[in-house]
Amino acid sequence: MLTVILILLVAWAILAIVGFALEGLLWLAIIGVVLFVGTVIFGFIRRKASSSRA
């Protein structure tokens, strides 16, 4: 699960960088940042839940 989250984080970071690099694609940067933050929060919640069960 951690591998999937890391791959998603890298993908969203690349999406955001491309969006900021190309001015016409600012919307892509915003989507990339939102998805990056959402994935971080999701990963943090999943990790916290799995550590409390153990």
PDB file of N, CA and C in Angstrom:
ATOM      1  N   MET A   1       0.830  -1.196   0.000  1.00  0.00           N
ATOM      2  CA  MET A   1       0.000   0.000   0.000  1.00  0.00           C
ATOM      3  C   MET A   1       0.870   1.253   0.000  1.00  0.00           C
ATOM      4  N   LEU A   2       1.952   1.198   0.730  1.00  0.00           N
ATOM      5  CA  LEU A   2       2.846   2.352   0.793  1.00  0.00           C
ATOM      6  C   LEU A   2       3.447   2.652  -0.577  1.00  0.00           C
ATOM      7  N   THR A   3       3.739   1.611  -1.338  1.00  0.00           N
ATOM      8  CA  THR A   3       4.297   1.795  -2.675  1.00  0.00           C
ATOM      9  C   THR A   3       3.308   2.521  -3.586  1.00  0.00           C
ATOM     10  N   VAL A   4       2.049   2.145  -3.508  1.00  0.00           N
ATOM     11  CA  VAL A   4       1.022   2.785  -4.337  1.00  0.00           C
ATOM     12  C   VAL A   4       0.903   4.262  -3.976  1.00  0.00           C
ATOM     13  N   ILE A   5       0.915   4.567  -2.698  1.00  0.00           N
ATOM     14  CA  ILE A   5       0.804   5.959  -2.253  1.00  0.00           C
ATOM     15  C   ILE A   5       2.011   6.762  -2.718  1.00  0.00           C
ATOM     16  N   LEU A   6       3.196   6.193  -2.632  1.00  0.00           N
ATOM     17  CA  LEU A   6       4.397   6.899  -3.088  1.00  0.00           C
ATOM     18  C   LEU A   6       4.358   7.150  -4.597  1.00  0.00           C
ATOM     19  N   ILE A   7       3.898   6.167  -5.353  1.00  0.00           N
ATOM     20  CA  ILE A   7       3.787   6.346  -6.806  1.00  0.00           C
ATOM     21  C   ILE A   7       2.788   7.451  -7.130  1.00  0.00           C
ATOM     22  N   LEU A   8       1.656   7.461  -6.434  1.00  0.00           N
ATOM     23  CA  LEU A   8       0.665   8.518  -6.650  1.00  0.00           C
ATOM     24  C   LEU A   8       1.223   9.888  -6.289  1.00  0.00           C
ATOM     25  N   LEU A   9       1.964   9.975  -5.187  1.00  0.00           N
ATOM     26  CA  LEU A   9       2.543  11.255  -4.786  1.00  0.00           C
ATOM     27  C   LEU A   9       3.507  11.781  -5.843  1.00  0.00           C
ATOM     28  N   VAL A  10       4.318  10.895  -6.396  1.00  0.00           N
ATOM     29  CA  VAL A  10       5.251  11.308  -7.447  1.00  0.00           C
ATOM     30  C   VAL A  10       4.483  11.760  -8.687  1.00  0.00           C
ATOM     31  N   ALA A  11       3.443  11.022  -9.046  1.00  0.00           N
ATOM     32  CA  ALA A  11       2.643  11.391 -10.223  1.00  0.00           C
ATOM     33  C   ALA A  11       1.983  12.748 -10.035  1.00  0.00           C
ATOM     34  N   TRP A  12       1.414  13.000  -8.863  1.00  0.00           N
ATOM     35  CA  TRP A  12       0.749  14.287  -8.609  1.00  0.00           C
ATOM     36  C   TRP A  12       1.763  15.420  -8.578  1.00  0.00           C
ATOM     37  N   ALA A  13       2.952  15.164  -8.040  1.00  0.00           N
ATOM     38  CA  ALA A  13       3.986  16.203  -8.012  1.00  0.00           C
ATOM     39  C   ALA A  13       4.414  16.567  -9.433  1.00  0.00           C
ATOM     40  N   ILE A  14       4.594  15.569 -10.287  1.00  0.00           N
ATOM     41  CA  ILE A  14       4.964  15.830 -11.681  1.00  0.00           C
ATOM     42  C   ILE A  14       3.852  16.602 -12.384  1.00  0.00           C
ATOM     43  N   LEU A  15       2.610  16.224 -12.133  1.00  0.00           N
ATOM     44  CA  LEU A  15       1.464  16.923 -12.712  1.00  0.00           C
ATOM     45  C   LEU A  15       1.457  18.388 -12.305  1.00  0.00           C
ATOM     46  N   ALA A  16       1.712  18.655 -11.034  1.00  0.00           N
ATOM     47  CA  ALA A  16       1.724  20.036 -10.541  1.00  0.00           C
ATOM     48  C   ALA A  16       2.879  20.828 -11.152  1.00  0.00           C
ATOM     49  N   ILE A  17       4.046  20.217 -11.264  1.00  0.00           N
ATOM     50  CA  ILE A  17       5.208  20.908 -11.837  1.00  0.00           C
ATOM     51  C   ILE A  17       4.950  21.269 -13.297  1.00  0.00           C
ATOM     52  N   VAL A  18       4.392  20.328 -14.055  1.00  0.00           N
ATOM     53  CA  VAL A  18       4.077  20.605 -15.459  1.00  0.00           C
ATOM     54  C   VAL A  18       3.050  21.724 -15.553  1.00  0.00           C
ATOM     55  N   GLY A  19       2.063  21.700 -14.682  1.00  0.00           N
ATOM     56  CA  GLY A  19       1.041  22.740 -14.689  1.00  0.00           C
ATOM     57  C   GLY A  19       1.596  24.114 -14.380  1.00  0.00           C
ATOM     58  N   PHE A  20       2.519  24.196 -13.418  1.00  0.00           N
ATOM     59  CA  PHE A  20       3.117  25.484 -13.086  1.00  0.00           C
ATOM     60  C   PHE A  20       4.117  25.934 -14.157  1.00  0.00           C
ATOM     61  N   ALA A  21       4.769  24.984 -14.823  1.00  0.00           N
ATOM     62  CA  ALA A  21       5.755  25.334 -15.844  1.00  0.00           C
ATOM     63  C   ALA A  21       5.089  25.919 -17.093  1.00  0.00           C
ATOM     64  N   LEU A  22       3.942  25.405 -17.438  1.00  0.00           N
ATOM     65  CA  LEU A  22       3.219  25.885 -18.612  1.00  0.00           C
ATOM     66  C   LEU A  22       2.037  26.727 -18.140  1.00  0.00           C
ATOM     67  N   GLU A  23       2.110  28.019 -18.376  1.00  0.00           N
ATOM     68  CA  GLU A  23       1.109  28.941 -17.833  1.00  0.00           C
ATOM     69  C   GLU A  23      -0.318  28.591 -18.226  1.00  0.00           C
ATOM     70  N   GLY A  24      -0.504  28.090 -19.413  1.00  0.00           N
ATOM     71  CA  GLY A  24      -1.847  27.754 -19.863  1.00  0.00           C
ATOM     72  C   GLY A  24      -2.456  26.575 -19.129  1.00  0.00           C
ATOM     73  N   LEU A  25      -1.622  25.834 -18.428  1.00  0.00           N
ATOM     74  CA  LEU A  25      -2.104  24.650 -17.725  1.00  0.00           C
ATOM     75  C   LEU A  25      -2.113  24.849 -16.210  1.00  0.00           C
ATOM     76  N   LEU A  26      -2.429  26.046 -15.773  1.00  0.00           N
ATOM     77  CA  LEU A  26      -2.475  26.320 -14.337  1.00  0.00           C
ATOM     78  C   LEU A  26      -3.513  25.444 -13.648  1.00  0.00           C
ATOM     79  N   TRP A  27      -4.590  25.147 -14.340  1.00  0.00           N
ATOM     80  CA  TRP A  27      -5.618  24.276 -13.765  1.00  0.00           C
ATOM     81  C   TRP A  27      -5.044  22.895 -13.463  1.00  0.00           C
ATOM     82  N   LEU A  28      -4.105  22.440 -14.286  1.00  0.00           N
ATOM     83  CA  LEU A  28      -3.469  21.146 -14.067  1.00  0.00           C
ATOM     84  C   LEU A  28      -2.633  21.177 -12.795  1.00  0.00           C
ATOM     85  N   ALA A  29      -1.973  22.292 -12.549  1.00  0.00           N
ATOM     86  CA  ALA A  29      -1.185  22.442 -11.329  1.00  0.00           C
ATOM     87  C   ALA A  29      -2.083  22.411 -10.102  1.00  0.00           C
ATOM     88  N   ILE A  30      -3.215  23.085 -10.189  1.00  0.00           N
ATOM     89  CA  ILE A  30      -4.140  23.115  -9.051  1.00  0.00           C
ATOM     90  C   ILE A  30      -4.678  21.717  -8.764  1.00  0.00           C
ATOM     91  N   ILE A  31      -5.048  20.996  -9.805  1.00  0.00           N
ATOM     92  CA  ILE A  31      -5.522  19.621  -9.622  1.00  0.00           C
ATOM     93  C   ILE A  31      -4.414  18.752  -9.032  1.00  0.00           C
ATOM     94  N   GLY A  32      -3.186  18.912  -9.526  1.00  0.00           N
ATOM     95  CA  GLY A  32      -2.061  18.138  -9.007  1.00  0.00           C
ATOM     96  C   GLY A  32      -1.810  18.398  -7.537  1.00  0.00           C
ATOM     97  N   VAL A  33      -1.878  19.656  -7.125  1.00  0.00           N
ATOM     98  CA  VAL A  33      -1.658  20.002  -5.716  1.00  0.00           C
ATOM     99  C   VAL A  33      -2.776  19.431  -4.849  1.00  0.00           C
ATOM    100  N   VAL A  34      -4.021  19.563  -5.298  1.00  0.00           N
ATOM    101  CA  VAL A  34      -5.156  19.039  -4.524  1.00  0.00           C
ATOM    102  C   VAL A  34      -5.051  17.523  -4.375  1.00  0.00           C
ATOM    103  N   LEU A  35      -4.732  16.824  -5.457  1.00  0.00           N
ATOM    104  CA  LEU A  35      -4.592  15.371  -5.390  1.00  0.00           C
ATOM    105  C   LEU A  35      -3.402  14.961  -4.527  1.00  0.00           C
ATOM    106  N   PHE A  36      -2.314  15.724  -4.577  1.00  0.00           N
ATOM    107  CA  PHE A  36      -1.140  15.439  -3.750  1.00  0.00           C
ATOM    108  C   PHE A  36      -1.509  15.537  -2.273  1.00  0.00           C
ATOM    109  N   VAL A  37      -2.163  16.632  -1.900  1.00  0.00           N
ATOM    110  CA  VAL A  37      -2.549  16.826  -0.497  1.00  0.00           C
ATOM    111  C   VAL A  37      -3.544  15.748  -0.065  1.00  0.00           C
ATOM    112  N   GLY A  38      -4.497  15.427  -0.932  1.00  0.00           N
ATOM    113  CA  GLY A  38      -5.463  14.376  -0.612  1.00  0.00           C
ATOM    114  C   GLY A  38      -4.803  13.025  -0.404  1.00  0.00           C
ATOM    115  N   THR A  39      -3.822  12.702  -1.223  1.00  0.00           N
ATOM    116  CA  THR A  39      -3.112  11.435  -1.086  1.00  0.00           C
ATOM    117  C   THR A  39      -2.289  11.400   0.192  1.00  0.00           C
ATOM    118  N   VAL A  40      -1.664  12.514   0.556  1.00  0.00           N
ATOM    119  CA  VAL A  40      -0.901  12.580   1.807  1.00  0.00           C
ATOM    120  C   VAL A  40      -1.828  12.351   2.998  1.00  0.00           C
ATOM    121  N   ILE A  41      -2.972  13.001   2.997  1.00  0.00           N
ATOM    122  CA  ILE A  41      -3.924  12.837   4.100  1.00  0.00           C
ATOM    123  C   ILE A  41      -4.438  11.400   4.155  1.00  0.00           C
ATOM    124  N   PHE A  42      -4.783  10.833   3.002  1.00  0.00           N
ATOM    125  CA  PHE A  42      -5.251   9.453   2.945  1.00  0.00           C
ATOM    126  C   PHE A  42      -4.187   8.490   3.474  1.00  0.00           C
ATOM    127  N   GLY A  43      -2.955   8.669   3.036  1.00  0.00           N
ATOM    128  CA  GLY A  43      -1.866   7.809   3.496  1.00  0.00           C
ATOM    129  C   GLY A  43      -1.619   7.940   4.986  1.00  0.00           C
ATOM    130  N   PHE A  44      -1.695   9.154   5.503  1.00  0.00           N
ATOM    131  CA  PHE A  44      -1.492   9.383   6.932  1.00  0.00           C
ATOM    132  C   PHE A  44      -2.586   8.691   7.745  1.00  0.00           C
ATOM    133  N   ILE A  45      -3.829   8.800   7.295  1.00  0.00           N
ATOM    134  CA  ILE A  45      -4.944   8.171   8.013  1.00  0.00           C
ATOM    135  C   ILE A  45      -4.821   6.651   7.967  1.00  0.00           C
ATOM    136  N   ARG A  46      -4.488   6.103   6.798  1.00  0.00           N
ATOM    137  CA  ARG A  46      -4.340   4.642   6.677  1.00  0.00           C
ATOM    138  C   ARG A  46      -3.193   4.128   7.537  1.00  0.00           C
ATOM    139  N   ARG A  47      -2.103   4.869   7.564  1.00  0.00           N
ATOM    140  CA  ARG A  47      -0.942   4.442   8.344  1.00  0.00           C
ATOM    141  C   ARG A  47      -1.245   4.500   9.837  1.00  0.00           C
ATOM    142  N   LYS A  48      -1.932   5.553  10.258  1.00  0.00           N
ATOM    143  CA  LYS A  48      -2.288   5.707  11.662  1.00  0.00           C
ATOM    144  C   LYS A  48      -3.263   4.612  12.091  1.00  0.00           C
ATOM    145  N   ALA A  49      -4.220   4.276  11.235  1.00  0.00           N
ATOM    146  CA  ALA A  49      -5.202   3.242  11.551  1.00  0.00           C
ATOM    147  C   ALA A  49      -4.543   1.868  11.639  1.00  0.00           C
ATOM    148  N   SER A  50      -3.605   1.588  10.749  1.00  0.00           N
ATOM    149  CA  SER A  50      -2.957   0.275  10.773  1.00  0.00           C
ATOM    150  C   SER A  50      -2.006   0.137  11.956  1.00  0.00           C
ATOM    151  N   SER A  51      -1.405   1.229  12.402  1.00  0.00           N
ATOM    152  CA  SER A  51      -0.499   1.142  13.550  1.00  0.00           C
ATOM    153  C   SER A  51      -1.273   1.027  14.857  1.00  0.00           C
ATOM    154  N   SER A  52      -2.494   1.532  14.917  1.00  0.00           N
ATOM    155  CA  SER A  52      -3.276   1.432  16.147  1.00  0.00           C
ATOM    156  C   SER A  52      -3.861   0.036  16.321  1.00  0.00           C
ATOM    157  N   ARG A  53      -4.016  -0.711  15.226  1.00  0.00           N
ATOM    158  CA  ARG A  53      -4.522  -2.085  15.309  1.00  0.00           C
ATOM    159  C   ARG A  53      -3.466  -3.053  15.822  1.00  0.00           C
ATOM    160  N   ALA A  54      -2.223  -2.780  15.541  1.00  0.00           N
ATOM    161  CA  ALA A  54      -1.139  -3.725  15.863  1.00  0.00           C
ATOM    162  C   ALA A  54      -0.830  -3.783  17.326  1.00  0.00           C
TER     163      ALA A  54
END
